[in-house]
PDB file of N, CA and C in Angstrom:
ATOM      1  N   MET A   1     101.914  99.531  71.640  1.00  0.00           N
ATOM      2  CA  MET A   1     102.030 100.341  72.721  1.00  0.00           C
ATOM      3  C   MET A   1     101.234  98.857  73.955  1.00  0.00           C
ATOM      4  N   SER A   2     101.858  98.784  74.899  1.00  0.00           N
ATOM      5  CA  SER A   2     101.376  97.828  76.038  1.00  0.00           C
ATOM      6  C   SER A   2     100.598  98.671  77.091  1.00  0.00           C
ATOM      7  N   ARG A   3      99.451  97.602  77.271  1.00  0.00           N
ATOM      8  CA  ARG A   3      98.530  98.524  77.904  1.00  0.00           C
ATOM      9  C   ARG A   3      98.480  97.669  79.423  1.00  0.00           C
ATOM     10  N   LEU A   4      97.968  98.518  80.466  1.00  0.00           N
ATOM     11  CA  LEU A   4      97.372  98.081  81.752  1.00  0.00           C
ATOM     12  C   LEU A   4      96.233  98.582  81.753  1.00  0.00           C
ATOM     13  N   THR A   5      95.417  97.916  82.718  1.00  0.00           N
ATOM     14  CA  THR A   5      93.972  97.837  83.059  1.00  0.00           C
ATOM     15  C   THR A   5      93.905  98.271  84.421  1.00  0.00           C
ATOM     16  N   VAL A   6      93.138  98.912  84.610  1.00  0.00           N
ATOM     17  CA  VAL A   6      92.821  99.168  85.995  1.00  0.00           C
ATOM     18  C   VAL A   6      91.472  98.957  86.333  1.00  0.00           C
ATOM     19  N   TYR A   7      91.027  98.196  87.260  1.00  0.00           N
ATOM     20  CA  TYR A   7      89.612  97.887  87.631  1.00  0.00           C
ATOM     21  C   TYR A   7      89.265  98.673  88.578  1.00  0.00           C
ATOM     22  N   SER A   8      88.177 100.102  88.691  1.00  0.00           N
ATOM     23  CA  SER A   8      87.996 101.044  89.594  1.00  0.00           C
ATOM     24  C   SER A   8      86.316 100.874  89.701  1.00  0.00           C
ATOM     25  N   ARG A   9      86.335 101.913  90.569  1.00  0.00           N
ATOM     26  CA  ARG A   9      84.526 102.687  90.901  1.00  0.00           C
ATOM     27  C   ARG A   9      84.985 103.938  91.014  1.00  0.00           C
ATOM     28  N   GLU A  10      83.564 104.536  90.643  1.00  0.00           N
ATOM     29  CA  GLU A  10      83.643 106.059  91.229  1.00  0.00           C
ATOM     30  C   GLU A  10      83.804 105.904  92.845  1.00  0.00           C
ATOM     31  N   ASP A  11      84.120 107.350  93.021  1.00  0.00           N
ATOM     32  CA  ASP A  11      83.774 107.547  94.289  1.00  0.00           C
ATOM     33  C   ASP A  11      84.522 106.628  95.191  1.00  0.00           C
ATOM     34  N   CYS A  12      85.697 105.880  94.758  1.00  0.00           N
ATOM     35  CA  CYS A  12      86.581 105.066  95.513  1.00  0.00           C
ATOM     36  C   CYS A  12      87.922 105.965  95.848  1.00  0.00           C
ATOM     37  N   PRO A  13      88.291 106.206  97.140  1.00  0.00           N
ATOM     38  CA  PRO A  13      89.745 106.970  97.475  1.00  0.00           C
ATOM     39  C   PRO A  13      90.704 106.215  97.208  1.00  0.00           C
ATOM     40  N   LEU A  14      90.597 104.710  97.337  1.00  0.00           N
ATOM     41  CA  LEU A  14      91.648 104.088  97.279  1.00  0.00           C
ATOM     42  C   LEU A  14      92.259 104.065  95.579  1.00  0.00           C
ATOM     43  N   CYS A  15      90.873 103.785  94.672  1.00  0.00           N
ATOM     44  CA  CYS A  15      91.288 104.041  93.528  1.00  0.00           C
ATOM     45  C   CYS A  15      91.809 105.138  92.969  1.00  0.00           C
ATOM     46  N   GLU A  16      91.289 106.466  93.459  1.00  0.00           N
ATOM     47  CA  GLU A  16      91.862 107.623  93.134  1.00  0.00           C
ATOM     48  C   GLU A  16      93.313 107.687  93.233  1.00  0.00           C
ATOM     49  N   GLU A  17      93.694 107.506  94.527  1.00  0.00           N
ATOM     50  CA  GLU A  17      94.982 107.622  95.031  1.00  0.00           C
ATOM     51  C   GLU A  17      96.206 106.649  94.127  1.00  0.00           C
ATOM     52  N   LEU A  18      95.468 105.313  93.708  1.00  0.00           N
ATOM     53  CA  LEU A  18      96.492 104.438  92.787  1.00  0.00           C
ATOM     54  C   LEU A  18      96.542 105.127  91.502  1.00  0.00           C
ATOM     55  N   LEU A  19      95.361 105.667  90.964  1.00  0.00           N
ATOM     56  CA  LEU A  19      95.311 106.279  89.489  1.00  0.00           C
ATOM     57  C   LEU A  19      96.398 107.584  89.703  1.00  0.00           C
ATOM     58  N   ALA A  20      96.483 108.133  90.767  1.00  0.00           N
ATOM     59  CA  ALA A  20      97.515 109.671  90.762  1.00  0.00           C
ATOM     60  C   ALA A  20      98.644 109.161  90.410  1.00  0.00           C
ATOM     61  N   GLU A  21      98.996 107.735  91.546  1.00  0.00           N
ATOM     62  CA  GLU A  21     100.390 107.719  91.382  1.00  0.00           C
ATOM     63  C   GLU A  21     100.734 106.677  89.987  1.00  0.00           C
ATOM     64  N   LEU A  22     100.182 105.355  89.495  1.00  0.00           N
ATOM     65  CA  LEU A  22     100.281 105.020  88.161  1.00  0.00           C
ATOM     66  C   LEU A  22     100.296 105.530  86.808  1.00  0.00           C
ATOM     67  N   LEU A  23      99.178 106.347  86.856  1.00  0.00           N
ATOM     68  CA  LEU A  23      99.448 107.535  85.416  1.00  0.00           C
ATOM     69  C   LEU A  23     100.416 108.044  85.006  1.00  0.00           C
ATOM     70  N   PRO A  24     101.025 108.870  86.099  1.00  0.00           N
ATOM     71  CA  PRO A  24     102.136 109.225  85.671  1.00  0.00           C
ATOM     72  C   PRO A  24     103.181 108.546  85.132  1.00  0.00           C
ATOM     73  N   TRP A  25     103.353 107.258  86.135  1.00  0.00           N
ATOM     74  CA  TRP A  25     104.506 106.674  85.957  1.00  0.00           C
ATOM     75  C   TRP A  25     104.322 105.704  84.658  1.00  0.00           C
ATOM     76  N   ALA A  26     102.923 105.488  84.150  1.00  0.00           N
ATOM     77  CA  ALA A  26     102.601 104.690  82.980  1.00  0.00           C
ATOM     78  C   ALA A  26     103.331 105.649  81.627  1.00  0.00           C
ATOM     79  N   ASP A  27     102.818 106.896  81.915  1.00  0.00           N
ATOM     80  CA  ASP A  27     102.777 108.135  80.536  1.00  0.00           C
ATOM     81  C   ASP A  27     104.458 107.910  80.749  1.00  0.00           C
ATOM     82  N   GLU A  28     105.018 107.969  81.596  1.00  0.00           N
ATOM     83  CA  GLU A  28     106.475 108.346  81.204  1.00  0.00           C
ATOM     84  C   GLU A  28     107.182 107.074  80.417  1.00  0.00           C
ATOM     85  N   ARG A  29     106.536 105.904  80.686  1.00  0.00           N
ATOM     86  CA  ARG A  29     107.008 104.645  80.228  1.00  0.00           C
ATOM     87  C   ARG A  29     106.486 104.319  78.851  1.00  0.00           C
ATOM     88  N   GLY A  30     105.557 105.300  78.631  1.00  0.00           N
ATOM     89  CA  GLY A  30     104.692 105.172  76.761  1.00  0.00           C
ATOM     90  C   GLY A  30     103.728 103.917  77.230  1.00  0.00           C
ATOM     91  N   PHE A  31     103.344 103.854  78.375  1.00  0.00           N
ATOM     92  CA  PHE A  31     101.968 102.445  78.593  1.00  0.00           C
ATOM     93  C   PHE A  31     100.818 103.011  78.432  1.00  0.00           C
ATOM     94  N   ALA A  32      99.775 102.844  77.989  1.00  0.00           N
ATOM     95  CA  ALA A  32      98.625 103.205  77.980  1.00  0.00           C
ATOM     96  C   ALA A  32      97.649 102.297  79.094  1.00  0.00           C
ATOM     97  N   VAL A  33      96.718 103.110  79.616  1.00  0.00           N
ATOM     98  CA  VAL A  33      96.084 102.596  80.749  1.00  0.00           C
ATOM     99  C   VAL A  33      94.636 102.885  80.529  1.00  0.00           C
ATOM    100  N   GLN A  34      94.007 101.332  80.749  1.00  0.00           N
ATOM    101  CA  GLN A  34      92.667 101.785  80.277  1.00  0.00           C
ATOM    102  C   GLN A  34      92.050 101.501  81.559  1.00  0.00           C
ATOM    103  N   ILE A  35      90.837 102.353  82.097  1.00  0.00           N
ATOM    104  CA  ILE A  35      90.168 102.280  83.186  1.00  0.00           C
ATOM    105  C   ILE A  35      89.054 101.530  82.744  1.00  0.00           C
ATOM    106  N   ILE A  36      88.219 100.434  83.705  1.00  0.00           N
ATOM    107  CA  ILE A  36      87.059  99.841  83.554  1.00  0.00           C
ATOM    108  C   ILE A  36      86.539  99.973  85.175  1.00  0.00           C
ATOM    109  N   ASP A  37      85.489 100.485  84.780  1.00  0.00           N
ATOM    110  CA  ASP A  37      84.233 100.679  86.143  1.00  0.00           C
ATOM    111  C   ASP A  37      83.634  99.500  86.568  1.00  0.00           C
ATOM    112  N   VAL A  38      84.030  98.827  87.482  1.00  0.00           N
ATOM    113  CA  VAL A  38      83.539  97.394  87.783  1.00  0.00           C
ATOM    114  C   VAL A  38      81.829  97.421  88.208  1.00  0.00           C
ATOM    115  N   ASP A  39      81.321  98.619  88.788  1.00  0.00           N
ATOM    116  CA  ASP A  39      80.088  98.724  88.855  1.00  0.00           C
ATOM    117  C   ASP A  39      79.262  98.865  87.464  1.00  0.00           C
ATOM    118  N   SER A  40      79.733  99.113  86.325  1.00  0.00           N
ATOM    119  CA  SER A  40      79.025  99.159  85.055  1.00  0.00           C
ATOM    120  C   SER A  40      78.840  97.876  84.311  1.00  0.00           C
ATOM    121  N   ASP A  41      79.018  96.594  84.924  1.00  0.00           N
ATOM    122  CA  ASP A  41      79.115  95.737  84.344  1.00  0.00           C
ATOM    123  C   ASP A  41      78.859  94.638  85.369  1.00  0.00           C
ATOM    124  N   PRO A  42      77.624  93.493  85.489  1.00  0.00           N
ATOM    125  CA  PRO A  42      77.185  92.866  86.707  1.00  0.00           C
ATOM    126  C   PRO A  42      78.471  91.774  86.673  1.00  0.00           C
ATOM    127  N   GLN A  43      78.695  91.263  85.628  1.00  0.00           N
ATOM    128  CA  GLN A  43      79.994  89.940  85.462  1.00  0.00           C
ATOM    129  C   GLN A  43      81.157  90.558  86.184  1.00  0.00           C
ATOM    130  N   LEU A  44      81.571  92.159  85.971  1.00  0.00           N
ATOM    131  CA  LEU A  44      82.726  92.581  86.377  1.00  0.00           C
ATOM    132  C   LEU A  44      82.307  92.607  88.090  1.00  0.00           C
ATOM    133  N   LEU A  45      81.622  93.056  88.336  1.00  0.00           N
ATOM    134  CA  LEU A  45      80.964  93.518  89.699  1.00  0.00           C
ATOM    135  C   LEU A  45      81.207  92.074  90.632  1.00  0.00           C
ATOM    136  N   ARG A  46      80.478  90.844  90.071  1.00  0.00           N
ATOM    137  CA  ARG A  46      80.524  89.587  90.758  1.00  0.00           C
ATOM    138  C   ARG A  46      82.083  89.397  90.991  1.00  0.00           C
ATOM    139  N   ARG A  47      82.768  89.499  89.771  1.00  0.00           N
ATOM    140  CA  ARG A  47      84.318  88.828  89.427  1.00  0.00           C
ATOM    141  C   ARG A  47      85.109  89.744  90.790  1.00  0.00           C
ATOM    142  N   TYR A  48      84.992  91.062  91.103  1.00  0.00           N
ATOM    143  CA  TYR A  48      85.707  92.029  91.650  1.00  0.00           C
ATOM    144  C   TYR A  48      85.177  92.373  92.689  1.00  0.00           C
ATOM    145  N   GLY A  49      84.005  92.749  92.923  1.00  0.00           N
ATOM    146  CA  GLY A  49      83.175  93.260  93.870  1.00  0.00           C
ATOM    147  C   GLY A  49      84.162  94.272  94.741  1.00  0.00           C
ATOM    148  N   LEU A  50      84.734  94.212  95.658  1.00  0.00           N
ATOM    149  CA  LEU A  50      85.029  95.201  96.747  1.00  0.00           C
ATOM    150  C   LEU A  50      86.836  95.218  96.536  1.00  0.00           C
ATOM    151  N   LYS A  51      87.301  94.247  95.199  1.00  0.00           N
ATOM    152  CA  LYS A  51      88.536  94.207  95.187  1.00  0.00           C
ATOM    153  C   LYS A  51      88.945  95.151  94.196  1.00  0.00           C
ATOM    154  N   VAL A  52      88.864  95.981  94.519  1.00  0.00           N
ATOM    155  CA  VAL A  52      89.187  97.519  93.750  1.00  0.00           C
ATOM    156  C   VAL A  52      90.169  98.406  94.400  1.00  0.00           C
ATOM    157  N   PRO A  53      91.200  99.297  94.070  1.00  0.00           N
ATOM    158  CA  PRO A  53      91.518  98.958  92.277  1.00  0.00           C
ATOM    159  C   PRO A  53      92.210  98.203  92.063  1.00  0.00           C
ATOM    160  N   LEU A  54      92.209  97.584  91.358  1.00  0.00           N
ATOM    161  CA  LEU A  54      93.173  96.205  90.762  1.00  0.00           C
ATOM    162  C   LEU A  54      93.799  96.373  89.579  1.00  0.00           C
ATOM    163  N   VAL A  55      95.105  96.361  89.522  1.00  0.00           N
ATOM    164  CA  VAL A  55      95.921  96.481  88.389  1.00  0.00           C
ATOM    165  C   VAL A  55      96.233  95.359  87.480  1.00  0.00           C
ATOM    166  N   ASP A  56      95.964  95.407  86.323  1.00  0.00           N
ATOM    167  CA  ASP A  56      96.191  94.117  85.332  1.00  0.00           C
ATOM    168  C   ASP A  56      97.196  94.383  83.894  1.00  0.00           C
ATOM    169  N   TRP A  57      97.959  93.397  83.897  1.00  0.00           N
ATOM    170  CA  TRP A  57      98.778  93.863  82.872  1.00  0.00           C
ATOM    171  C   TRP A  57      98.506  92.262  82.036  1.00  0.00           C
ATOM    172  N   SER A  58      98.005  92.365  80.828  1.00  0.00           N
ATOM    173  CA  SER A  58      98.104  91.409  79.894  1.00  0.00           C
ATOM    174  C   SER A  58      97.158  89.931  80.715  1.00  0.00           C
ATOM    175  N   GLY A  59      96.195  90.136  81.518  1.00  0.00           N
ATOM    176  CA  GLY A  59      95.363  89.592  81.864  1.00  0.00           C
ATOM    177  C   GLY A  59      96.238  88.484  83.474  1.00  0.00           C
ATOM    178  N   GLU A  60      96.929  89.154  83.739  1.00  0.00           N
ATOM    179  CA  GLU A  60      97.493  88.965  85.056  1.00  0.00           C
ATOM    180  C   GLU A  60      97.541  89.965  86.231  1.00  0.00           C
ATOM    181  N   THR A  61      96.882  89.543  87.145  1.00  0.00           N
ATOM    182  CA  THR A  61      97.126  90.521  88.596  1.00  0.00           C
ATOM    183  C   THR A  61      98.367  91.018  89.024  1.00  0.00           C
ATOM    184  N   VAL A  62      98.480  92.258  88.616  1.00  0.00           N
ATOM    185  CA  VAL A  62      99.819  93.183  89.042  1.00  0.00           C
ATOM    186  C   VAL A  62      99.394  93.400  90.769  1.00  0.00           C
ATOM    187  N   CYS A  63      98.324  93.766  91.247  1.00  0.00           N
ATOM    188  CA  CYS A  63      98.286  94.025  92.715  1.00  0.00           C
ATOM    189  C   CYS A  63      96.820  94.695  92.406  1.00  0.00           C
ATOM    190  N   PHE A  64      96.493  94.722  94.047  1.00  0.00           N
ATOM    191  CA  PHE A  64      95.252  95.750  94.331  1.00  0.00           C
ATOM    192  C   PHE A  64      95.206  96.108  95.604  1.00  0.00           C
ATOM    193  N   GLY A  65      94.135  97.106  95.634  1.00  0.00           N
ATOM    194  CA  GLY A  65      94.270  97.974  96.898  1.00  0.00           C
ATOM    195  C   GLY A  65      95.591  99.007  96.866  1.00  0.00           C
ATOM    196  N   HIS A  66      96.323  98.923  96.828  1.00  0.00           N
ATOM    197  CA  HIS A  66      97.418  99.896  96.743  1.00  0.00           C
ATOM    198  C   HIS A  66      98.616  99.724  95.653  1.00  0.00           C
ATOM    199  N   LEU A  67      99.147 100.551  95.214  1.00  0.00           N
ATOM    200  CA  LEU A  67      99.944 100.373  93.421  1.00  0.00           C
ATOM    201  C   LEU A  67     101.408  99.689  94.265  1.00  0.00           C
ATOM    202  N   ASP A  68     101.630  98.523  93.652  1.00  0.00           N
ATOM    203  CA  ASP A  68     102.706  98.060  94.109  1.00  0.00           C
ATOM    204  C   ASP A  68     103.912  98.226  92.961  1.00  0.00           C
ATOM    205  N   LEU A  69     104.780  99.173  93.063  1.00  0.00           N
ATOM    206  CA  LEU A  69     105.507  99.661  91.986  1.00  0.00           C
ATOM    207  C   LEU A  69     106.605  98.601  91.921  1.00  0.00           C
ATOM    208  N   LEU A  70     107.135  97.770  92.297  1.00  0.00           N
ATOM    209  CA  LEU A  70     108.012  97.009  92.435  1.00  0.00           C
ATOM    210  C   LEU A  70     107.640  95.451  91.427  1.00  0.00           C
ATOM    211  N   ALA A  71     106.240  95.250  91.975  1.00  0.00           N
ATOM    212  CA  ALA A  71     105.593  93.827  90.821  1.00  0.00           C
ATOM    213  C   ALA A  71     104.814  94.678  89.543  1.00  0.00           C
ATOM    214  N   LEU A  72     105.035  95.867  89.600  1.00  0.00           N
ATOM    215  CA  LEU A  72     104.614  96.784  88.291  1.00  0.00           C
ATOM    216  C   LEU A  72     105.674  96.597  87.372  1.00  0.00           C
ATOM    217  N   LYS A  73     106.905  97.159  88.161  1.00  0.00           N
ATOM    218  CA  LYS A  73     108.352  97.259  87.145  1.00  0.00           C
ATOM    219  C   LYS A  73     108.608  95.960  86.885  1.00  0.00           C
ATOM    220  N   THR A  74     108.221  94.730  87.270  1.00  0.00           N
ATOM    221  CA  THR A  74     108.616  93.349  87.459  1.00  0.00           C
ATOM    222  C   THR A  74     108.338  93.060  85.983  1.00  0.00           C
ATOM    223  N   ILE A  75     106.976  93.282  86.301  1.00  0.00           N
ATOM    224  CA  ILE A  75     106.325  92.430  85.258  1.00  0.00           C
ATOM    225  C   ILE A  75     106.139  93.185  83.709  1.00  0.00           C
ATOM    226  N   THR A  76     106.484  94.484  83.683  1.00  0.00           N
ATOM    227  CA  THR A  76     106.604  95.317  82.901  1.00  0.00           C
ATOM    228  C   THR A  76     107.740  95.398  82.173  1.00  0.00           C
ATOM    229  N   ARG A  77     108.796  94.854  82.909  1.00  0.00           N
ATOM    230  CA  ARG A  77     110.011  94.661  82.369  1.00  0.00           C
ATOM    231  C   ARG A  77     110.445  94.773  81.110  1.00  0.00           C
ATOM    232  N   SER A  78     109.710  93.422  80.281  1.00  0.00           N
ATOM    233  CA  SER A  78     110.011  92.897  79.279  1.00  0.00           C
ATOM    234  C   SER A  78     109.379  93.843  77.923  1.00  0.00           C
ATOM    235  N   ALA A  79     108.381  94.980  78.582  1.00  0.00           N
ATOM    236  CA  ALA A  79     107.441  95.263  77.737  1.00  0.00           C
ATOM    237  C   ALA A  79     108.279  96.487  77.108  1.00  0.00           C
TER     238      ALA A  79
END
């Protein structure tokens, strides 16, 4: 099963909006979604800071801030 990773944080309206769009889309296609709270790790906090939500596919940033379904469809097409 292919996996998407979302870097997020609690009480983040943009994160909640992105996940509300992404989770049903990913479920329909059989993609697992791992959600990581950047505030849980000092290294992640330094790396991502305010650049959340961020969607990652196999180590490659797909989009951040808002869900870019076109970019997501393009990058996951071969999966």
